[in-house]
Amino acid sequence: MPSDAGEIRVTRTTQPDAVDAAVLLTSTQALDPEMCVEVPRQSAPSYAVDDAPDAYEADTVFACGTWSVIPSADGWFGWTPNNPGEAEQSPAR
């Protein structure tokens, strides 16, 4: 998460063992290239989040470990888990 992240909204299930989540945040910083790399999109979030961009319209994502991230109007929108094909390309594996 960028150090200047603000207005952080996390969406996740109430199921105790579930690992899926989505986050929308404001930021003016670029993603850390030691953590994230741009790759073809193979996944999408489990949740629709108000004011978030449509992940299905993105051709590429930034793979940041098990998170996939795309730019939003004022920062970044990310989800986990991503597709293993995305995760394996991330420098943060």
N, C-alpha and C. Protein backbone atom coordinates (compact mmCIF):
# COMPACT_ATOMS: atom_id res chain seq x y z
N MET A 1 0.85 -1.16 0.00
CA MET A 1 0.00 0.00 0.00
C MET A 1 0.90 1.24 0.00
N PRO A 2 0.62 2.20 -0.86
CA PRO A 2 1.45 3.41 -0.89
C PRO A 2 1.45 4.12 0.47
N SER A 3 2.55 4.76 0.79
CA SER A 3 2.66 5.42 2.09
C SER A 3 1.72 6.60 2.24
N ASP A 4 1.23 7.16 1.13
CA ASP A 4 0.30 8.28 1.22
C ASP A 4 -1.16 7.84 1.08
N ALA A 5 -1.44 6.54 1.21
CA ALA A 5 -2.79 6.02 1.03
C ALA A 5 -3.76 6.68 2.00
N GLY A 6 -4.91 7.05 1.47
CA GLY A 6 -5.96 7.64 2.28
C GLY A 6 -7.30 7.14 1.82
N GLU A 7 -8.35 7.50 2.55
CA GLU A 7 -9.71 7.09 2.22
C GLU A 7 -9.75 5.60 1.85
N ILE A 8 -9.17 4.79 2.68
CA ILE A 8 -9.04 3.35 2.42
C ILE A 8 -10.36 2.66 2.73
N ARG A 9 -10.91 1.98 1.71
CA ARG A 9 -12.14 1.22 1.88
C ARG A 9 -11.85 -0.24 1.57
N VAL A 10 -12.04 -1.09 2.55
CA VAL A 10 -11.82 -2.53 2.39
C VAL A 10 -13.18 -3.21 2.37
N THR A 11 -13.36 -4.10 1.41
CA THR A 11 -14.58 -4.89 1.31
C THR A 11 -14.19 -6.36 1.37
N ARG A 12 -14.84 -7.08 2.27
CA ARG A 12 -14.57 -8.52 2.36
C ARG A 12 -15.78 -9.22 2.93
N THR A 13 -15.78 -10.52 2.85
CA THR A 13 -16.89 -11.32 3.32
C THR A 13 -16.87 -11.42 4.85
N THR A 14 -17.99 -11.84 5.40
CA THR A 14 -18.04 -12.10 6.84
C THR A 14 -17.72 -13.55 7.16
N GLN A 15 -17.47 -14.36 6.13
CA GLN A 15 -17.11 -15.75 6.33
C GLN A 15 -15.73 -15.83 6.99
N PRO A 16 -15.58 -16.54 8.09
CA PRO A 16 -14.32 -16.52 8.85
C PRO A 16 -13.08 -17.04 8.12
N ASP A 17 -13.22 -18.00 7.23
CA ASP A 17 -12.04 -18.58 6.58
C ASP A 17 -11.78 -18.03 5.18
N ALA A 18 -12.58 -17.10 4.73
CA ALA A 18 -12.43 -16.56 3.38
C ALA A 18 -11.23 -15.62 3.31
N VAL A 19 -10.55 -15.64 2.17
CA VAL A 19 -9.36 -14.81 1.99
C VAL A 19 -9.57 -13.72 0.95
N ASP A 20 -10.73 -13.69 0.31
CA ASP A 20 -10.95 -12.69 -0.74
C ASP A 20 -11.31 -11.34 -0.13
N ALA A 21 -10.79 -10.29 -0.79
CA ALA A 21 -11.02 -8.92 -0.34
C ALA A 21 -10.77 -7.99 -1.50
N ALA A 22 -11.29 -6.78 -1.36
CA ALA A 22 -11.03 -5.70 -2.33
C ALA A 22 -10.74 -4.44 -1.53
N VAL A 23 -9.87 -3.58 -2.09
CA VAL A 23 -9.55 -2.32 -1.43
C VAL A 23 -9.50 -1.21 -2.46
N LEU A 24 -10.09 -0.08 -2.11
CA LEU A 24 -10.07 1.12 -2.93
C LEU A 24 -9.48 2.22 -2.07
N LEU A 25 -8.48 2.92 -2.60
CA LEU A 25 -7.82 3.96 -1.81
C LEU A 25 -7.39 5.11 -2.68
N THR A 26 -7.18 6.25 -2.04
CA THR A 26 -6.64 7.41 -2.74
C THR A 26 -5.13 7.43 -2.53
N SER A 27 -4.41 7.87 -3.56
CA SER A 27 -2.95 7.95 -3.50
C SER A 27 -2.46 8.69 -4.74
N THR A 28 -1.36 9.42 -4.57
CA THR A 28 -0.73 10.05 -5.73
C THR A 28 0.57 9.34 -6.08
N GLN A 29 0.93 8.32 -5.31
CA GLN A 29 2.20 7.62 -5.53
C GLN A 29 2.05 6.47 -6.52
N ALA A 30 3.13 6.19 -7.20
CA ALA A 30 3.21 5.01 -8.07
C ALA A 30 3.39 3.77 -7.19
N LEU A 31 3.07 2.61 -7.73
CA LEU A 31 3.30 1.37 -7.00
C LEU A 31 4.79 1.05 -6.99
N ASP A 32 5.24 0.39 -5.96
CA ASP A 32 6.65 0.04 -5.79
C ASP A 32 7.04 -1.03 -6.81
N PRO A 33 7.98 -0.74 -7.72
CA PRO A 33 8.37 -1.72 -8.73
C PRO A 33 9.08 -2.95 -8.14
N GLU A 34 9.51 -2.87 -6.90
CA GLU A 34 10.10 -4.05 -6.25
C GLU A 34 9.02 -4.98 -5.72
N MET A 35 7.77 -4.50 -5.71
CA MET A 35 6.65 -5.30 -5.22
C MET A 35 5.66 -5.66 -6.33
N CYS A 36 5.56 -4.81 -7.35
CA CYS A 36 4.50 -4.94 -8.34
C CYS A 36 5.05 -4.84 -9.77
N VAL A 37 4.44 -5.61 -10.66
CA VAL A 37 4.81 -5.58 -12.08
C VAL A 37 3.52 -5.64 -12.90
N GLU A 38 3.51 -4.92 -14.02
CA GLU A 38 2.33 -4.92 -14.89
C GLU A 38 2.31 -6.19 -15.73
N VAL A 39 1.15 -6.86 -15.72
CA VAL A 39 0.98 -8.13 -16.44
C VAL A 39 -0.41 -8.15 -17.08
N PRO A 40 -0.64 -9.04 -18.04
CA PRO A 40 -2.00 -9.17 -18.59
C PRO A 40 -2.98 -9.59 -17.48
N ARG A 41 -4.16 -8.98 -17.48
CA ARG A 41 -5.17 -9.29 -16.46
C ARG A 41 -5.75 -10.68 -16.68
N GLN A 42 -5.77 -11.48 -15.61
CA GLN A 42 -6.36 -12.81 -15.64
C GLN A 42 -7.40 -13.00 -14.54
N SER A 43 -7.59 -11.99 -13.69
CA SER A 43 -8.52 -12.12 -12.57
C SER A 43 -9.37 -10.86 -12.45
N ALA A 44 -10.33 -10.91 -11.56
CA ALA A 44 -11.18 -9.76 -11.24
C ALA A 44 -11.63 -9.91 -9.79
N PRO A 45 -12.07 -8.83 -9.18
CA PRO A 45 -12.47 -8.91 -7.77
C PRO A 45 -13.76 -9.70 -7.58
N SER A 46 -13.94 -10.21 -6.38
CA SER A 46 -15.16 -10.93 -6.01
C SER A 46 -16.30 -9.98 -5.69
N TYR A 47 -15.96 -8.71 -5.46
CA TYR A 47 -16.94 -7.74 -4.99
C TYR A 47 -17.04 -6.53 -5.91
N ALA A 48 -18.25 -6.02 -6.05
CA ALA A 48 -18.44 -4.73 -6.72
C ALA A 48 -18.29 -3.66 -5.65
N VAL A 49 -17.45 -2.68 -5.91
CA VAL A 49 -17.19 -1.62 -4.95
C VAL A 49 -17.60 -0.30 -5.57
N ASP A 50 -18.45 0.45 -4.86
CA ASP A 50 -18.88 1.76 -5.36
C ASP A 50 -17.68 2.64 -5.67
N ASP A 51 -17.72 3.32 -6.79
CA ASP A 51 -16.70 4.26 -7.25
C ASP A 51 -15.40 3.60 -7.72
N ALA A 52 -15.34 2.28 -7.72
CA ALA A 52 -14.14 1.58 -8.20
C ALA A 52 -14.24 1.41 -9.72
N PRO A 53 -13.09 1.37 -10.39
CA PRO A 53 -13.12 1.12 -11.84
C PRO A 53 -13.58 -0.31 -12.13
N ASP A 54 -14.04 -0.53 -13.33
CA ASP A 54 -14.47 -1.86 -13.75
C ASP A 54 -13.24 -2.68 -14.14
N ALA A 55 -12.92 -3.66 -13.34
CA ALA A 55 -11.73 -4.48 -13.60
C ALA A 55 -11.82 -5.21 -14.94
N TYR A 56 -13.02 -5.52 -15.38
CA TYR A 56 -13.19 -6.23 -16.65
C TYR A 56 -12.80 -5.38 -17.85
N GLU A 57 -12.74 -4.07 -17.67
CA GLU A 57 -12.32 -3.19 -18.76
C GLU A 57 -10.80 -3.06 -18.83
N ALA A 58 -10.10 -3.54 -17.82
CA ALA A 58 -8.63 -3.44 -17.79
C ALA A 58 -8.00 -4.60 -18.56
N ASP A 59 -7.07 -4.27 -19.44
CA ASP A 59 -6.33 -5.31 -20.15
C ASP A 59 -5.15 -5.81 -19.33
N THR A 60 -4.62 -4.93 -18.47
CA THR A 60 -3.48 -5.29 -17.64
C THR A 60 -3.76 -4.90 -16.18
N VAL A 61 -3.02 -5.53 -15.28
CA VAL A 61 -3.07 -5.22 -13.85
C VAL A 61 -1.64 -5.17 -13.35
N PHE A 62 -1.47 -4.60 -12.19
CA PHE A 62 -0.19 -4.71 -11.50
C PHE A 62 -0.30 -5.89 -10.55
N ALA A 63 0.55 -6.90 -10.74
CA ALA A 63 0.57 -8.05 -9.85
C ALA A 63 1.50 -7.71 -8.70
N CYS A 64 0.93 -7.70 -7.49
CA CYS A 64 1.66 -7.35 -6.27
C CYS A 64 1.48 -8.50 -5.29
N GLY A 65 2.27 -9.55 -5.45
CA GLY A 65 2.06 -10.75 -4.65
C GLY A 65 0.75 -11.39 -5.05
N THR A 66 -0.12 -11.66 -4.06
CA THR A 66 -1.43 -12.26 -4.34
C THR A 66 -2.50 -11.23 -4.61
N TRP A 67 -2.11 -9.96 -4.71
CA TRP A 67 -3.03 -8.87 -5.03
C TRP A 67 -2.85 -8.44 -6.48
N SER A 68 -3.96 -8.10 -7.13
CA SER A 68 -3.94 -7.44 -8.44
C SER A 68 -4.47 -6.04 -8.23
N VAL A 69 -3.86 -5.07 -8.91
CA VAL A 69 -4.16 -3.66 -8.67
C VAL A 69 -4.28 -2.93 -10.01
N ILE A 70 -5.28 -2.05 -10.09
CA ILE A 70 -5.44 -1.19 -11.27
C ILE A 70 -5.62 0.25 -10.78
N PRO A 71 -5.30 1.21 -11.65
CA PRO A 71 -5.51 2.61 -11.26
C PRO A 71 -7.00 2.91 -11.09
N SER A 72 -7.31 3.78 -10.15
CA SER A 72 -8.66 4.30 -9.98
C SER A 72 -8.61 5.81 -10.24
N ALA A 73 -9.72 6.46 -10.15
CA ALA A 73 -9.77 7.90 -10.45
C ALA A 73 -8.82 8.70 -9.57
N ASP A 74 -8.71 8.31 -8.30
CA ASP A 74 -7.89 9.07 -7.35
C ASP A 74 -6.80 8.24 -6.69
N GLY A 75 -6.52 7.06 -7.22
CA GLY A 75 -5.52 6.21 -6.57
C GLY A 75 -5.48 4.82 -7.16
N TRP A 76 -5.82 3.83 -6.33
CA TRP A 76 -5.68 2.43 -6.73
C TRP A 76 -6.85 1.60 -6.25
N PHE A 77 -7.16 0.55 -7.03
CA PHE A 77 -8.18 -0.44 -6.68
C PHE A 77 -7.52 -1.81 -6.79
N GLY A 78 -7.60 -2.60 -5.74
CA GLY A 78 -6.96 -3.91 -5.75
C GLY A 78 -7.85 -4.99 -5.18
N TRP A 79 -7.51 -6.25 -5.51
CA TRP A 79 -8.27 -7.39 -5.01
C TRP A 79 -7.33 -8.58 -4.80
N THR A 80 -7.78 -9.44 -3.93
CA THR A 80 -7.07 -10.69 -3.65
C THR A 80 -8.11 -11.78 -3.41
N PRO A 81 -7.88 -13.01 -3.73
CA PRO A 81 -6.68 -13.47 -4.41
C PRO A 81 -6.76 -13.16 -5.90
N ASN A 82 -5.60 -13.08 -6.49
CA ASN A 82 -5.55 -12.92 -7.94
C ASN A 82 -5.32 -14.29 -8.57
N ASN A 83 -5.25 -14.33 -9.86
CA ASN A 83 -5.00 -15.56 -10.58
C ASN A 83 -3.55 -16.00 -10.32
N PRO A 84 -3.30 -17.30 -10.12
CA PRO A 84 -1.92 -17.76 -9.91
C PRO A 84 -0.97 -17.31 -11.02
N GLY A 85 -1.47 -17.18 -12.25
CA GLY A 85 -0.63 -16.71 -13.35
C GLY A 85 -0.18 -15.28 -13.16
N GLU A 86 -0.98 -14.47 -12.50
CA GLU A 86 -0.58 -13.11 -12.17
C GLU A 86 0.41 -13.14 -11.01
N ALA A 87 0.04 -13.86 -9.96
CA ALA A 87 0.86 -13.90 -8.74
C ALA A 87 2.28 -14.39 -9.01
N GLU A 88 2.42 -15.39 -9.88
CA GLU A 88 3.76 -15.94 -10.12
C GLU A 88 4.68 -14.98 -10.86
N GLN A 89 4.12 -13.96 -11.48
CA GLN A 89 4.94 -12.97 -12.19
C GLN A 89 5.35 -11.80 -11.28
N SER A 90 4.74 -11.73 -10.12
CA SER A 90 5.00 -10.62 -9.20
C SER A 90 6.38 -10.74 -8.57
N PRO A 91 7.09 -9.63 -8.45
CA PRO A 91 8.38 -9.67 -7.76
C PRO A 91 8.22 -9.88 -6.25
N ALA A 92 6.98 -9.75 -5.74
CA ALA A 92 6.72 -9.90 -4.30
C ALA A 92 6.24 -11.31 -3.94
N ARG A 93 6.54 -12.29 -4.78
CA ARG A 93 6.08 -13.67 -4.53
C ARG A 93 6.54 -14.14 -3.22
